[in-house]
Amino acid sequence: MCSRLCHDLLSPVGALNNGLELLADEDDPALRKEYLSLLADGARASAEKLKFFRLAFGAAGGFGDRIDAGEVRASLDSLAGMSGKVAFGWVADCTTLDRSATRIVLNLGLIALDALVRGGRLDVGLEGGEIVVRAEGARLVLDGEVRRVLAGEALPTTSRTIGAVLASTVAERDGRTLLLQEEDGVLLLGASRV
């Protein structure tokens, strides 16, 4: 998990570092303003990723049993929007989610976003305790090991498979079965009660 977090945070934090180096050597007010804008974007991206990881992997929401569905939605929407190539949709019949559903939907969403290598659309649906994450794009690439974990195979946990392992473990503990369907240009992931 730490490897995944470090990998995903390296780019925005590296951009912050580079921006600070450029800013330190720049006297032109227009360029300084542009660099400050880039620094703000990098800081915002880092903060949004940390919020997402806190909900997906940590103890976000405190010690209560329910998490605001709007917070979960906003976190996925922000992550999807960072690339500028993924449109996001959300349909839910609930205003709160239990911690298990939160972790499942966020980790399945992260897997789907990773598969949208050239962008596309990510849709999340929550109804009657069912979770469906749909990714559609011109080029979908689902990592083979992630696919195997989602299909129920026990593999060693790596930075690539941590989301699938966590979603699978939480789903099993919560009495849910994971769904994985792949069609031409569409990936469906989900979890339903057994």
Protein backbone atom coordinates (compact mmCIF):
# COMPACT_ATOMS: atom_id res chain seq x y z
CA MET A 1 0.00 0.00 0.00
CA CYS A 2 2.83 2.38 0.86
CA SER A 3 4.41 1.75 -2.54
CA ARG A 4 1.12 2.66 -4.28
CA LEU A 5 0.75 5.84 -2.22
CA CYS A 6 4.33 6.91 -2.92
CA HIS A 7 3.97 6.19 -6.64
CA ASP A 8 0.75 8.20 -6.96
CA LEU A 9 2.00 11.14 -4.90
CA LEU A 10 5.43 11.37 -6.52
CA SER A 11 4.23 13.30 -9.57
CA PRO A 12 2.34 16.16 -7.85
CA VAL A 13 4.92 16.50 -5.08
CA GLY A 14 7.74 16.46 -7.66
CA ALA A 15 5.92 19.19 -9.58
CA LEU A 16 5.76 21.26 -6.38
CA ASN A 17 9.49 20.85 -5.87
CA ASN A 18 10.28 21.79 -9.48
CA GLY A 19 7.96 24.80 -9.29
CA LEU A 20 9.67 26.05 -6.15
CA GLU A 21 13.08 25.74 -7.81
CA LEU A 22 11.87 27.70 -10.86
CA LEU A 23 10.22 30.32 -8.68
CA ALA A 24 13.38 30.88 -6.66
CA ASP A 25 15.34 31.79 -9.80
CA GLU A 26 12.68 33.91 -11.52
CA ASP A 27 12.45 37.72 -11.41
CA ASP A 28 9.81 38.25 -14.11
CA PRO A 29 6.47 39.01 -12.33
CA ALA A 30 4.38 37.37 -15.07
CA LEU A 31 6.36 34.13 -14.90
CA ARG A 32 6.34 34.19 -11.09
CA LYS A 33 2.53 34.44 -11.22
CA GLU A 34 2.37 31.50 -13.65
CA TYR A 35 4.69 29.42 -11.44
CA LEU A 36 2.57 30.21 -8.38
CA SER A 37 -0.50 29.02 -10.26
CA LEU A 38 1.27 25.78 -11.15
CA LEU A 39 2.32 25.35 -7.52
CA ALA A 40 -1.28 25.83 -6.39
CA ASP A 41 -2.42 23.18 -8.89
CA GLY A 42 0.21 20.74 -7.62
CA ALA A 43 -0.71 21.38 -4.00
CA ARG A 44 -4.41 20.90 -4.80
CA ALA A 45 -3.71 17.62 -6.64
CA SER A 46 -1.61 16.33 -3.74
CA ALA A 47 -4.31 17.23 -1.21
CA GLU A 48 -7.06 15.61 -3.30
CA LYS A 49 -5.08 12.39 -3.70
CA LEU A 50 -4.39 12.28 0.03
CA LYS A 51 -8.11 12.76 0.77
CA PHE A 52 -8.94 9.94 -1.63
CA PHE A 53 -6.36 7.58 -0.11
CA ARG A 54 -7.55 8.44 3.40
CA LEU A 55 -11.09 7.37 2.45
CA ALA A 56 -10.04 4.35 0.36
CA PHE A 57 -7.35 2.94 2.64
CA GLY A 58 -7.52 4.73 5.99
CA ALA A 59 -9.91 5.66 8.77
CA ALA A 60 -11.50 8.71 7.15
CA GLY A 61 -14.80 9.82 8.56
CA GLY A 62 -13.67 9.23 12.12
CA PHE A 63 -14.85 6.23 14.02
CA GLY A 64 -18.49 6.38 12.95
CA ASP A 65 -20.11 3.64 10.91
CA ARG A 66 -21.39 5.91 8.11
CA ILE A 67 -19.57 8.16 5.64
CA ASP A 68 -21.23 10.94 3.67
CA ALA A 69 -21.84 9.67 0.11
CA GLY A 70 -21.20 13.21 -1.15
CA GLU A 71 -17.66 13.04 0.23
CA VAL A 72 -17.07 9.70 -1.49
CA ARG A 73 -18.51 11.08 -4.75
CA ALA A 74 -16.41 14.26 -4.57
CA SER A 75 -13.25 12.27 -3.92
CA LEU A 76 -13.74 10.03 -6.96
CA ASP A 77 -14.87 12.97 -9.11
CA SER A 78 -11.72 14.89 -8.19
CA LEU A 79 -9.45 11.94 -8.95
CA ALA A 80 -11.20 11.33 -12.29
CA GLY A 81 -10.91 15.00 -13.21
CA MET A 82 -7.17 15.26 -12.57
CA SER A 83 -6.26 13.78 -15.93
CA GLY A 84 -8.63 16.09 -17.79
CA LYS A 85 -9.56 13.07 -19.93
CA VAL A 86 -12.18 11.29 -17.82
CA ALA A 87 -15.83 12.32 -17.48
CA PHE A 88 -17.49 11.24 -14.24
CA GLY A 89 -21.04 10.24 -13.39
CA TRP A 90 -22.64 9.27 -10.06
CA VAL A 91 -26.08 7.85 -9.31
CA ALA A 92 -26.88 6.81 -5.75
CA ASP A 93 -30.02 6.05 -3.80
CA CYS A 94 -28.30 6.80 -0.49
CA THR A 95 -26.83 9.78 1.34
CA THR A 96 -24.37 7.79 3.44
CA LEU A 97 -22.29 4.67 2.95
CA ASP A 98 -20.92 2.23 5.48
CA ARG A 99 -17.16 2.01 5.71
CA SER A 100 -17.04 -1.29 3.77
CA ALA A 101 -19.05 0.05 0.83
CA THR A 102 -16.89 3.19 0.83
CA ARG A 103 -13.70 1.18 0.55
CA ILE A 104 -15.13 -1.10 -2.12
CA VAL A 105 -16.47 1.69 -4.33
CA LEU A 106 -13.30 3.78 -4.06
CA ASN A 107 -10.94 0.91 -4.74
CA LEU A 108 -13.02 -0.36 -7.67
CA GLY A 109 -13.15 3.23 -8.93
CA LEU A 110 -9.37 3.50 -8.69
CA ILE A 111 -8.95 0.24 -10.61
CA ALA A 112 -11.33 1.49 -13.31
CA LEU A 113 -9.51 4.83 -13.56
CA ASP A 114 -6.19 3.03 -13.93
CA ALA A 115 -7.71 0.99 -16.79
CA LEU A 116 -8.79 4.15 -18.67
CA VAL A 117 -5.32 4.75 -20.08
CA ARG A 118 -6.51 7.18 -22.78
CA GLY A 119 -9.42 8.63 -20.87
CA GLY A 120 -13.11 8.02 -21.30
CA ARG A 121 -15.98 7.88 -18.87
CA LEU A 122 -16.30 6.54 -15.32
CA ASP A 123 -19.78 5.97 -13.87
CA VAL A 124 -20.64 4.80 -10.37
CA GLY A 125 -24.04 3.45 -9.37
CA LEU A 126 -25.20 2.61 -5.86
CA GLU A 127 -28.65 1.14 -5.40
CA GLY A 128 -30.08 -1.08 -2.70
CA GLY A 129 -26.64 -1.98 -1.39
CA GLU A 130 -25.38 -2.92 -4.88
CA ILE A 131 -22.22 -1.25 -6.19
CA VAL A 132 -21.48 -0.89 -9.90
CA VAL A 133 -18.48 0.89 -11.40
CA ARG A 134 -18.48 1.24 -15.19
CA ALA A 135 -15.49 2.43 -17.21
CA GLU A 136 -15.79 3.11 -20.91
CA GLY A 137 -13.01 4.27 -23.16
CA ALA A 138 -11.26 3.87 -26.47
CA ARG A 139 -8.46 1.93 -24.79
CA LEU A 140 -9.08 -0.05 -21.61
CA VAL A 141 -6.16 -1.92 -20.06
CA LEU A 142 -6.87 -3.91 -16.93
CA ASP A 143 -3.70 -5.24 -15.31
CA GLY A 144 -3.60 -9.05 -15.53
CA GLU A 145 -2.80 -9.56 -11.85
CA VAL A 146 -5.58 -7.16 -10.83
CA ARG A 147 -8.00 -9.13 -13.05
CA ARG A 148 -6.94 -12.39 -11.39
CA VAL A 149 -7.43 -10.98 -7.88
CA LEU A 150 -10.87 -9.62 -8.79
CA ALA A 151 -11.74 -13.06 -10.20
CA GLY A 152 -10.99 -14.59 -6.81
CA GLU A 153 -7.43 -15.84 -7.23
CA ALA A 154 -5.15 -15.41 -4.23
CA LEU A 155 -1.98 -13.60 -5.32
CA PRO A 156 0.75 -11.83 -3.36
CA THR A 157 -0.19 -8.23 -2.68
CA THR A 158 1.79 -5.69 -4.71
CA SER A 159 1.45 -1.97 -5.32
CA ARG A 160 -0.52 -2.80 -8.49
CA THR A 161 -2.92 -5.22 -6.79
CA ILE A 162 -3.49 -3.51 -3.43
CA GLY A 163 -6.80 -1.95 -4.49
CA ALA A 164 -8.14 -5.26 -5.80
CA VAL A 165 -6.93 -7.15 -2.72
CA LEU A 166 -8.53 -4.62 -0.39
CA ALA A 167 -11.82 -4.54 -2.34
CA SER A 168 -11.90 -8.35 -2.43
CA THR A 169 -11.09 -8.74 1.26
CA VAL A 170 -13.61 -6.14 2.39
CA ALA A 171 -16.30 -7.54 0.07
CA GLU A 172 -15.80 -11.08 1.37
CA ARG A 173 -15.87 -9.93 5.00
CA ASP A 174 -19.05 -7.94 4.25
CA GLY A 175 -20.83 -10.87 2.57
CA ARG A 176 -20.49 -9.46 -0.94
CA THR A 177 -19.36 -11.02 -4.20
CA LEU A 178 -17.24 -9.03 -6.63
CA LEU A 179 -18.32 -8.66 -10.25
CA LEU A 180 -15.93 -8.36 -13.18
CA GLN A 181 -17.12 -8.11 -16.78
CA GLU A 182 -15.14 -6.92 -19.78
CA GLU A 183 -16.57 -6.13 -23.18
CA ASP A 184 -15.20 -4.17 -26.10
CA GLY A 185 -14.37 -0.77 -24.63
CA VAL A 186 -16.36 -1.32 -21.40
CA LEU A 187 -15.25 -2.58 -17.99
CA LEU A 188 -17.85 -3.37 -15.31
CA LEU A 189 -16.80 -3.84 -11.73
CA GLY A 190 -19.16 -4.28 -8.84
CA ALA A 191 -20.10 -5.87 -5.56
CA SER A 192 -23.38 -7.42 -4.52
CA ARG A 193 -24.68 -9.24 -1.48
CA VAL A 194 -24.42 -13.02 -1.69
